[in-house]
N, C-alpha and C. Protein backbone atom coordinates (compact mmCIF):
# COMPACT_ATOMS: atom_id res chain seq x y z
N MET A 1 0.74 -1.25 0.18
CA MET A 1 -0.07 0.03 -0.04
C MET A 1 0.81 1.34 -0.11
N LEU A 2 2.04 1.15 0.82
CA LEU A 2 2.70 2.46 0.90
C LEU A 2 3.48 2.65 -0.46
N LYS A 3 4.02 1.73 -0.99
CA LYS A 3 4.63 2.00 -2.29
C LYS A 3 3.68 2.44 -3.41
N LEU A 4 2.32 1.82 -3.38
CA LEU A 4 1.43 2.20 -4.35
C LEU A 4 0.85 3.68 -4.14
N MET A 5 0.76 4.04 -2.94
CA MET A 5 0.51 5.55 -2.57
C MET A 5 1.41 6.38 -3.04
N LYS A 6 2.74 6.09 -2.93
CA LYS A 6 3.78 7.00 -3.43
C LYS A 6 3.95 7.17 -4.80
N LEU A 7 3.64 5.99 -5.49
CA LEU A 7 3.63 6.11 -7.03
C LEU A 7 2.58 6.90 -7.42
N LEU A 8 1.30 6.82 -6.85
CA LEU A 8 0.13 7.38 -7.24
C LEU A 8 0.32 9.20 -7.01
N TYR A 9 0.90 9.33 -5.88
CA TYR A 9 1.06 10.66 -5.62
C TYR A 9 2.26 11.35 -6.76
N LEU A 10 3.28 10.48 -6.89
CA LEU A 10 4.43 11.02 -7.90
C LEU A 10 3.72 11.15 -9.26
N ALA A 11 2.64 10.35 -9.59
CA ALA A 11 1.96 10.37 -10.91
C ALA A 11 1.17 11.69 -10.87
N GLU A 12 0.35 11.98 -9.70
CA GLU A 12 -0.42 13.17 -9.69
C GLU A 12 0.47 14.44 -9.80
N ARG A 13 1.77 14.31 -9.27
CA ARG A 13 2.61 15.53 -9.30
C ARG A 13 3.26 15.72 -10.52
N GLU A 14 3.40 14.54 -11.26
CA GLU A 14 4.03 14.57 -12.63
C GLU A 14 3.09 15.25 -13.57
N SER A 15 1.85 14.81 -13.52
CA SER A 15 0.86 15.16 -14.43
C SER A 15 0.60 16.68 -14.31
N LEU A 16 0.66 17.15 -12.98
CA LEU A 16 0.46 18.71 -12.57
C LEU A 16 1.64 19.43 -13.35
N ARG A 17 2.75 18.84 -13.20
CA ARG A 17 3.96 19.56 -13.65
C ARG A 17 4.02 19.55 -15.03
N LYS A 18 3.70 18.53 -15.80
CA LYS A 18 3.68 18.55 -17.31
C LYS A 18 2.65 19.06 -17.90
N PHE A 19 1.27 18.87 -17.49
CA PHE A 19 0.11 19.27 -18.27
C PHE A 19 -0.63 20.26 -17.41
N GLY A 20 -0.30 20.76 -16.22
CA GLY A 20 -1.22 21.50 -15.31
C GLY A 20 -2.49 20.92 -15.05
N GLU A 21 -2.53 19.65 -15.09
CA GLU A 21 -3.83 18.91 -14.89
C GLU A 21 -3.55 17.70 -13.92
N PRO A 22 -4.44 17.37 -13.01
CA PRO A 22 -4.21 16.41 -12.17
C PRO A 22 -4.83 15.16 -12.87
N ILE A 23 -4.44 13.88 -12.54
CA ILE A 23 -4.89 12.65 -13.07
C ILE A 23 -6.29 12.36 -12.19
N SER A 24 -6.08 12.41 -10.90
CA SER A 24 -7.29 11.94 -9.92
C SER A 24 -8.08 13.03 -9.37
N GLY A 25 -7.37 14.25 -9.31
CA GLY A 25 -8.13 15.43 -8.79
C GLY A 25 -8.27 15.27 -7.07
N ASP A 26 -7.71 14.24 -6.61
CA ASP A 26 -7.69 13.91 -5.24
C ASP A 26 -7.16 15.20 -4.36
N LYS A 27 -7.47 15.28 -3.16
CA LYS A 27 -6.81 16.11 -2.21
C LYS A 27 -5.39 15.75 -1.90
N LEU A 28 -4.56 16.60 -1.93
CA LEU A 28 -3.23 16.23 -1.61
C LEU A 28 -2.80 16.72 -0.02
N VAL A 29 -2.17 15.78 0.47
CA VAL A 29 -2.04 15.82 2.09
C VAL A 29 -0.59 15.39 2.50
N SER A 30 0.20 16.17 3.43
CA SER A 30 1.30 15.69 4.02
C SER A 30 0.92 14.77 5.17
N MET A 31 1.49 13.75 5.23
CA MET A 31 1.47 12.78 6.39
C MET A 31 2.85 12.38 6.74
N PRO A 32 2.82 11.63 7.88
CA PRO A 32 4.20 11.43 8.41
C PRO A 32 5.18 10.70 7.48
N HIS A 33 4.48 9.59 6.53
CA HIS A 33 5.23 8.99 5.76
C HIS A 33 5.35 9.67 4.32
N GLY A 34 5.04 10.92 4.16
CA GLY A 34 5.20 11.65 2.99
C GLY A 34 3.76 12.13 2.46
N PRO A 35 3.75 12.60 1.20
CA PRO A 35 2.59 13.13 0.69
C PRO A 35 1.82 12.00 0.25
N VAL A 36 0.41 12.14 0.36
CA VAL A 36 -0.50 11.18 -0.21
C VAL A 36 -1.64 11.74 -0.74
N LEU A 37 -2.48 11.04 -1.38
CA LEU A 37 -3.76 11.47 -2.03
C LEU A 37 -5.05 10.91 -1.00
N SER A 38 -5.56 11.98 -0.46
CA SER A 38 -6.43 11.72 0.61
C SER A 38 -7.55 10.72 0.53
N LYS A 39 -8.45 10.95 -0.41
CA LYS A 39 -9.48 10.10 -0.53
C LYS A 39 -8.93 8.64 -1.15
N THR A 40 -8.10 8.60 -1.93
CA THR A 40 -7.41 7.30 -2.33
C THR A 40 -6.98 6.53 -1.10
N LEU A 41 -6.31 7.23 -0.30
CA LEU A 41 -5.82 6.42 0.95
C LEU A 41 -6.95 6.08 1.85
N ASP A 42 -8.04 6.91 1.86
CA ASP A 42 -9.27 6.50 2.67
C ASP A 42 -9.71 5.02 2.07
N LEU A 43 -9.75 5.15 0.78
CA LEU A 43 -10.43 3.82 0.17
C LEU A 43 -9.46 2.58 0.41
N MET A 44 -7.97 2.93 0.20
CA MET A 44 -7.21 1.82 0.50
C MET A 44 -7.30 1.40 2.11
N ASN A 45 -7.68 2.18 2.94
CA ASN A 45 -7.92 1.92 4.32
C ASN A 45 -9.40 1.21 4.55
N GLY A 46 -10.04 1.26 3.56
CA GLY A 46 -11.51 0.63 3.72
C GLY A 46 -12.62 1.63 4.18
N TRP A 47 -12.29 2.78 4.18
CA TRP A 47 -13.11 3.93 4.52
C TRP A 47 -13.76 4.45 3.21
N GLY A 48 -15.19 4.59 3.32
CA GLY A 48 -15.87 5.25 2.16
C GLY A 48 -16.09 4.60 0.97
N GLY A 49 -15.81 3.20 0.85
CA GLY A 49 -15.99 2.63 -0.38
C GLY A 49 -17.29 1.79 -0.52
N GLU A 50 -18.29 2.37 -0.13
CA GLU A 50 -19.81 1.65 -0.04
C GLU A 50 -20.41 1.45 -1.49
N ASP A 51 -19.96 2.24 -2.48
CA ASP A 51 -20.52 2.11 -3.71
C ASP A 51 -20.16 0.65 -4.18
N PRO A 52 -21.40 -0.06 -4.53
CA PRO A 52 -21.42 -1.44 -5.03
C PRO A 52 -20.52 -1.76 -6.17
N ASN A 53 -20.22 -0.65 -7.12
CA ASN A 53 -19.50 -0.83 -8.38
C ASN A 53 -18.15 -0.15 -8.08
N GLY A 54 -17.85 0.27 -6.86
CA GLY A 54 -16.58 1.18 -6.68
C GLY A 54 -15.39 0.30 -6.24
N TRP A 55 -14.52 1.01 -5.46
CA TRP A 55 -13.31 0.33 -4.92
C TRP A 55 -13.41 -1.07 -4.52
N GLY A 56 -14.35 -1.33 -3.50
CA GLY A 56 -14.61 -2.44 -3.02
C GLY A 56 -14.99 -3.64 -3.75
N SER A 57 -15.49 -3.30 -4.98
CA SER A 57 -15.92 -4.50 -5.93
C SER A 57 -14.59 -4.78 -6.77
N TRP A 58 -13.55 -3.97 -6.71
CA TRP A 58 -12.37 -4.28 -7.62
C TRP A 58 -11.28 -4.67 -6.65
N VAL A 59 -11.05 -4.25 -5.61
CA VAL A 59 -9.69 -4.40 -4.62
C VAL A 59 -10.00 -5.24 -3.53
N GLU A 60 -9.11 -6.13 -3.31
CA GLU A 60 -9.25 -6.99 -2.06
C GLU A 60 -8.75 -6.14 -0.97
N ASP A 61 -9.21 -6.84 0.32
CA ASP A 61 -8.94 -6.22 1.42
C ASP A 61 -7.34 -6.26 1.67
N ARG A 62 -6.86 -5.23 2.56
CA ARG A 62 -5.35 -5.02 2.80
C ARG A 62 -4.88 -6.07 3.51
N ALA A 63 -4.57 -7.22 3.10
CA ALA A 63 -3.88 -8.19 3.67
C ALA A 63 -2.32 -7.92 3.74
N GLU A 64 -1.76 -7.86 4.97
CA GLU A 64 -0.35 -7.64 5.16
C GLU A 64 0.21 -6.05 4.28
N HIS A 65 -0.81 -5.24 4.45
CA HIS A 65 -0.46 -4.05 3.79
C HIS A 65 -0.29 -4.15 2.31
N SER A 66 -0.95 -4.86 1.66
CA SER A 66 -0.90 -4.97 0.27
C SER A 66 -2.45 -4.66 -0.35
N VAL A 67 -2.49 -4.50 -1.50
CA VAL A 67 -3.79 -4.37 -2.19
C VAL A 67 -3.67 -5.37 -3.44
N ALA A 68 -4.66 -5.98 -3.95
CA ALA A 68 -4.59 -6.70 -5.12
C ALA A 68 -6.11 -6.54 -5.62
N LEU A 69 -6.14 -6.98 -7.14
CA LEU A 69 -7.55 -7.13 -7.71
C LEU A 69 -8.18 -8.32 -7.14
N LYS A 70 -9.45 -7.99 -6.80
CA LYS A 70 -10.39 -9.34 -6.34
C LYS A 70 -10.40 -10.20 -7.40
N ASP A 71 -10.53 -9.86 -8.58
CA ASP A 71 -10.76 -10.76 -9.78
C ASP A 71 -9.88 -10.31 -10.90
N PRO A 72 -8.58 -10.83 -11.03
CA PRO A 72 -7.89 -10.29 -12.29
C PRO A 72 -8.64 -10.50 -13.67
N SER A 73 -9.37 -11.33 -13.76
CA SER A 73 -10.04 -11.50 -14.88
C SER A 73 -10.99 -10.50 -15.40
N MET A 74 -11.33 -9.79 -14.42
CA MET A 74 -12.38 -8.50 -14.72
C MET A 74 -11.55 -7.54 -15.42
N ILE A 75 -10.32 -7.47 -15.68
CA ILE A 75 -9.49 -6.51 -16.50
C ILE A 75 -9.23 -7.23 -17.86
N ARG A 76 -9.92 -6.38 -18.94
CA ARG A 76 -9.78 -7.12 -20.25
C ARG A 76 -8.61 -6.51 -20.96
N SER A 77 -8.62 -5.31 -21.00
CA SER A 77 -7.37 -4.49 -21.69
C SER A 77 -7.49 -3.13 -21.13
N PRO A 78 -6.24 -2.40 -21.17
CA PRO A 78 -6.37 -0.88 -21.07
C PRO A 78 -7.32 -0.19 -21.86
N GLU A 79 -7.48 -0.40 -23.15
CA GLU A 79 -8.36 0.15 -24.01
C GLU A 79 -9.63 0.18 -23.59
N GLN A 80 -10.05 -0.94 -23.12
CA GLN A 80 -11.45 -1.23 -22.66
C GLN A 80 -11.78 -0.81 -21.11
N ASP A 81 -10.75 -0.89 -20.24
CA ASP A 81 -11.02 -0.86 -18.95
C ASP A 81 -10.39 0.49 -18.36
N LEU A 82 -9.58 1.45 -18.99
CA LEU A 82 -9.13 2.50 -18.52
C LEU A 82 -9.59 3.60 -19.37
N LEU A 83 -10.81 3.68 -19.77
CA LEU A 83 -11.33 4.81 -20.70
C LEU A 83 -11.27 6.23 -20.06
N GLU A 84 -11.38 6.23 -18.66
CA GLU A 84 -11.43 7.52 -17.74
C GLU A 84 -10.09 8.12 -17.95
N LEU A 85 -9.06 7.37 -18.33
CA LEU A 85 -7.55 7.96 -18.46
C LEU A 85 -7.27 8.32 -19.94
N SER A 86 -6.73 9.56 -19.96
CA SER A 86 -6.29 9.95 -21.49
C SER A 86 -4.98 9.26 -21.61
N ASN A 87 -4.58 9.40 -22.97
CA ASN A 87 -3.23 8.95 -23.34
C ASN A 87 -2.14 9.75 -22.46
N ASP A 88 -2.24 10.76 -22.27
CA ASP A 88 -1.39 11.68 -21.41
C ASP A 88 -1.25 11.06 -20.03
N ASP A 89 -2.47 10.66 -19.42
CA ASP A 89 -2.44 10.10 -18.26
C ASP A 89 -1.68 8.76 -18.16
N LEU A 90 -1.90 8.00 -19.28
CA LEU A 90 -1.31 6.78 -19.24
C LEU A 90 0.18 6.93 -19.58
N ASP A 91 0.73 7.82 -20.17
CA ASP A 91 2.11 8.14 -20.51
C ASP A 91 2.69 8.78 -19.06
N VAL A 92 1.94 9.36 -18.38
CA VAL A 92 2.66 9.76 -17.05
C VAL A 92 2.68 8.49 -16.07
N LEU A 93 1.72 7.65 -16.11
CA LEU A 93 1.65 6.51 -15.25
C LEU A 93 2.85 5.53 -15.66
N GLU A 94 3.12 5.32 -17.07
CA GLU A 94 4.28 4.68 -17.56
C GLU A 94 5.54 5.27 -17.14
N SER A 95 5.62 6.62 -17.15
CA SER A 95 6.98 7.23 -16.93
C SER A 95 7.32 7.07 -15.41
N VAL A 96 6.27 7.26 -14.60
CA VAL A 96 6.45 7.30 -13.16
C VAL A 96 6.83 5.87 -12.67
N TRP A 97 6.37 4.79 -13.31
CA TRP A 97 6.62 3.43 -13.12
C TRP A 97 7.97 3.10 -13.53
N ALA A 98 8.41 3.65 -14.74
CA ALA A 98 9.94 3.65 -15.21
C ALA A 98 10.90 4.31 -14.45
N ASN A 99 10.44 5.32 -13.90
CA ASN A 99 11.49 6.10 -13.05
C ASN A 99 11.57 5.57 -11.61
N TYR A 100 10.50 5.15 -10.96
CA TYR A 100 10.32 4.96 -9.53
C TYR A 100 9.88 3.54 -9.17
N GLY A 101 9.33 2.68 -10.18
CA GLY A 101 8.93 1.48 -9.67
C GLY A 101 9.88 0.46 -9.32
N HIS A 102 11.09 0.52 -9.63
CA HIS A 102 12.07 -0.28 -9.05
C HIS A 102 12.45 -0.10 -7.66
N MET A 103 11.97 1.14 -7.06
CA MET A 103 12.37 1.69 -5.72
C MET A 103 11.30 0.86 -4.63
N GLY A 104 11.96 0.46 -3.57
CA GLY A 104 11.16 -0.20 -2.43
C GLY A 104 10.24 0.82 -1.82
N LYS A 105 9.33 0.42 -1.07
CA LYS A 105 8.44 1.53 -0.30
C LYS A 105 9.13 2.46 0.54
N TYR A 106 10.16 1.88 1.29
CA TYR A 106 10.90 2.86 2.21
C TYR A 106 11.75 3.74 1.42
N GLU A 107 12.21 3.23 0.17
CA GLU A 107 13.05 4.22 -0.69
C GLU A 107 12.14 5.44 -1.05
N LEU A 108 11.00 5.03 -1.32
CA LEU A 108 9.91 6.01 -1.95
C LEU A 108 9.75 6.97 -0.78
N VAL A 109 9.48 6.40 0.51
CA VAL A 109 9.21 7.40 1.51
C VAL A 109 10.39 8.31 1.66
N GLU A 110 11.55 7.76 1.52
CA GLU A 110 12.84 8.63 1.78
C GLU A 110 12.80 9.67 0.54
N TYR A 111 12.59 9.33 -0.44
CA TYR A 111 12.43 10.16 -1.69
C TYR A 111 11.44 11.30 -1.49
N THR A 112 10.39 10.89 -1.15
CA THR A 112 9.22 11.89 -0.91
C THR A 112 9.45 12.88 0.29
N HIS A 113 10.36 12.47 1.11
CA HIS A 113 10.83 13.40 2.34
C HIS A 113 11.99 14.28 1.93
N SER A 114 12.59 14.07 0.71
CA SER A 114 13.72 14.77 0.22
C SER A 114 13.58 16.10 -0.39
N PRO A 115 14.48 16.85 -0.46
CA PRO A 115 14.47 18.23 -1.21
C PRO A 115 13.68 18.09 -2.52
N SER A 116 13.79 16.95 -3.15
CA SER A 116 13.17 16.63 -4.39
C SER A 116 11.63 17.04 -4.53
N ILE A 117 11.16 16.80 -3.21
CA ILE A 117 9.58 16.93 -3.05
C ILE A 117 9.26 18.03 -2.10
N PRO A 118 9.69 19.32 -2.42
CA PRO A 118 9.82 20.43 -1.33
C PRO A 118 8.32 20.88 -0.92
N GLU A 119 7.31 20.34 -1.53
CA GLU A 119 5.88 20.62 -1.28
C GLU A 119 5.46 19.91 0.06
N TRP A 120 6.28 18.82 0.28
CA TRP A 120 5.80 17.90 1.63
C TRP A 120 6.45 18.59 2.60
N GLU A 121 5.56 18.97 3.91
CA GLU A 121 6.00 19.55 5.07
C GLU A 121 5.67 18.64 6.31
N ASP A 122 6.59 18.24 7.06
CA ASP A 122 6.51 17.34 8.25
C ASP A 122 5.07 17.79 8.91
N PRO A 123 4.25 16.96 8.94
CA PRO A 123 2.91 17.20 9.78
C PRO A 123 2.98 16.92 11.27
N LYS A 124 4.17 16.61 11.80
CA LYS A 124 4.37 16.18 13.05
C LYS A 124 3.49 15.20 13.76
N GLY A 125 3.31 14.11 12.95
CA GLY A 125 2.33 13.00 13.40
C GLY A 125 0.93 13.20 13.11
N SER A 126 0.57 14.32 12.39
CA SER A 126 -0.90 14.58 11.95
C SER A 126 -0.95 14.45 10.52
N SER A 127 -1.72 15.30 10.05
CA SER A 127 -1.83 15.59 8.36
C SER A 127 -2.20 17.11 8.08
N ASN A 128 -1.57 17.42 7.07
CA ASN A 128 -1.68 18.89 6.66
C ASN A 128 -1.95 18.98 5.24
N PRO A 129 -2.93 19.82 4.80
CA PRO A 129 -3.22 19.90 3.10
C PRO A 129 -2.16 20.31 2.43
N ILE A 130 -1.72 19.95 1.28
CA ILE A 130 -0.64 20.40 0.55
C ILE A 130 -1.44 21.35 -0.58
N PRO A 131 -1.24 22.62 -0.51
CA PRO A 131 -2.11 23.50 -1.40
C PRO A 131 -1.36 23.30 -2.86
N VAL A 132 -2.35 23.13 -3.87
CA VAL A 132 -1.84 22.79 -5.18
C VAL A 132 -0.98 24.00 -5.58
N GLU A 133 -0.97 25.21 -5.07
CA GLU A 133 -0.32 26.33 -5.36
C GLU A 133 1.11 26.00 -4.92
N ARG A 134 1.47 25.45 -3.94
CA ARG A 134 2.81 25.05 -3.39
C ARG A 134 3.40 24.03 -4.12
N LEU A 135 2.59 23.11 -4.57
CA LEU A 135 2.99 21.96 -5.51
C LEU A 135 3.58 22.50 -6.89
N LEU A 136 2.62 23.37 -7.40
CA LEU A 136 2.90 24.04 -8.81
C LEU A 136 4.33 24.74 -8.65
N VAL A 137 4.33 25.54 -7.64
CA VAL A 137 5.68 26.36 -7.28
C VAL A 137 6.79 25.41 -7.44
N ALA A 138 6.54 24.44 -6.60
CA ALA A 138 7.85 23.21 -6.34
C ALA A 138 8.04 22.63 -7.65
N VAL A 139 7.17 22.53 -8.65
CA VAL A 139 7.61 21.87 -10.02
C VAL A 139 7.80 22.93 -11.00
N GLY A 140 7.99 24.33 -10.65
CA GLY A 140 8.56 25.11 -11.50
C GLY A 140 7.59 26.20 -12.04
N TYR A 141 6.26 26.25 -11.69
CA TYR A 141 5.26 27.20 -12.29
C TYR A 141 5.70 28.50 -11.46
N GLU A 142 5.52 29.74 -12.31
CA GLU A 142 5.67 31.09 -11.72
C GLU A 142 4.86 31.85 -12.49
N GLY A 143 4.72 33.21 -11.80
CA GLY A 143 4.11 34.27 -12.56
C GLY A 143 2.96 33.97 -13.29
N VAL A 144 2.74 34.29 -14.53
CA VAL A 144 1.57 34.29 -15.35
C VAL A 144 0.96 32.81 -15.38
N ALA A 145 2.09 31.99 -15.86
CA ALA A 145 1.65 30.47 -15.77
C ALA A 145 1.13 29.80 -14.63
N LEU A 146 1.57 30.36 -13.40
CA LEU A 146 1.11 29.92 -12.25
C LEU A 146 -0.40 30.36 -11.95
N GLN A 147 -0.49 31.60 -12.32
CA GLN A 147 -1.93 32.10 -12.09
C GLN A 147 -2.81 31.48 -12.99
N SER A 148 -2.50 31.23 -14.33
CA SER A 148 -3.28 30.47 -15.27
C SER A 148 -3.64 29.12 -14.88
N ALA A 149 -2.69 28.44 -14.43
CA ALA A 149 -2.71 27.09 -14.14
C ALA A 149 -3.92 27.05 -12.82
N LEU A 150 -3.76 27.76 -11.81
CA LEU A 150 -4.66 27.88 -10.77
C LEU A 150 -5.96 28.31 -10.94
N LYS A 151 -6.09 29.29 -12.00
CA LYS A 151 -7.48 29.82 -12.47
C LYS A 151 -8.09 28.48 -13.15
N HIS A 152 -7.35 27.87 -13.87
CA HIS A 152 -7.96 26.56 -14.76
C HIS A 152 -8.46 25.57 -13.70
N LEU A 153 -7.52 25.16 -12.78
CA LEU A 153 -7.86 24.24 -11.90
C LEU A 153 -8.97 24.62 -10.97
N GLU A 154 -9.11 25.88 -10.58
CA GLU A 154 -10.38 26.38 -9.78
C GLU A 154 -11.62 26.19 -10.73
N GLU A 155 -11.59 26.61 -12.05
CA GLU A 155 -12.67 26.45 -12.92
C GLU A 155 -13.26 25.07 -13.06
N GLN A 156 -12.03 24.23 -13.18
CA GLN A 156 -12.35 22.71 -13.34
C GLN A 156 -12.99 22.13 -12.06
N GLU A 157 -12.57 22.53 -10.94
CA GLU A 157 -13.08 22.16 -9.48
C GLU A 157 -14.60 22.61 -9.38
N LEU A 158 -14.82 23.81 -9.83
CA LEU A 158 -16.34 24.42 -9.87
C LEU A 158 -17.19 23.48 -10.96
N LEU A 159 -16.67 23.27 -11.97
CA LEU A 159 -17.46 22.54 -12.95
C LEU A 159 -17.61 20.98 -12.48
N ASN A 160 -16.76 20.36 -11.95
CA ASN A 160 -16.85 19.09 -11.18
C ASN A 160 -17.78 19.11 -10.26
N SER A 161 -17.86 20.12 -9.38
CA SER A 161 -18.77 20.00 -8.18
C SER A 161 -20.16 20.35 -8.66
N SER A 162 -20.41 20.98 -9.75
CA SER A 162 -21.59 21.33 -10.19
C SER A 162 -22.41 19.94 -10.92
N LEU A 163 -21.39 19.12 -11.32
CA LEU A 163 -21.81 17.88 -11.85
C LEU A 163 -22.22 16.77 -10.89
N ASP A 164 -21.72 16.90 -9.83
CA ASP A 164 -21.77 15.94 -8.84
C ASP A 164 -23.34 15.76 -8.35
């Protein structure tokens, strides 16, 4: 679970860096073991997954801090099952796996606590939100590009909330 969460966070971060767009749109949070995607972590921990076709219908309980597909035969192909992901999203996921997939969970924890991930701040045993602005600055956005990206993300969030 720890490795999966770090890889998902790095993918979200890379998508924001490269495209100014998140993959999941999840809330970013600093926790003692590094940055996480808040709602995704809740689902991994078994909280909030009551939707009969949601997380719990696809993913096994956390045995020994691992996650697995309940029934791998449910996956047909990326073209059929990953329709919510764009080609850019898939490229980011592949890139993150190529760059970090070889690392163990504690290597990833160490990496996400390093100066390479300056948006993470030690929450001193608790959790603190990571403002998207702080992440965007950390990955190189500034000035007009930063303001434009923030405005776009705010508009996207408003649109998404109106559709819920």
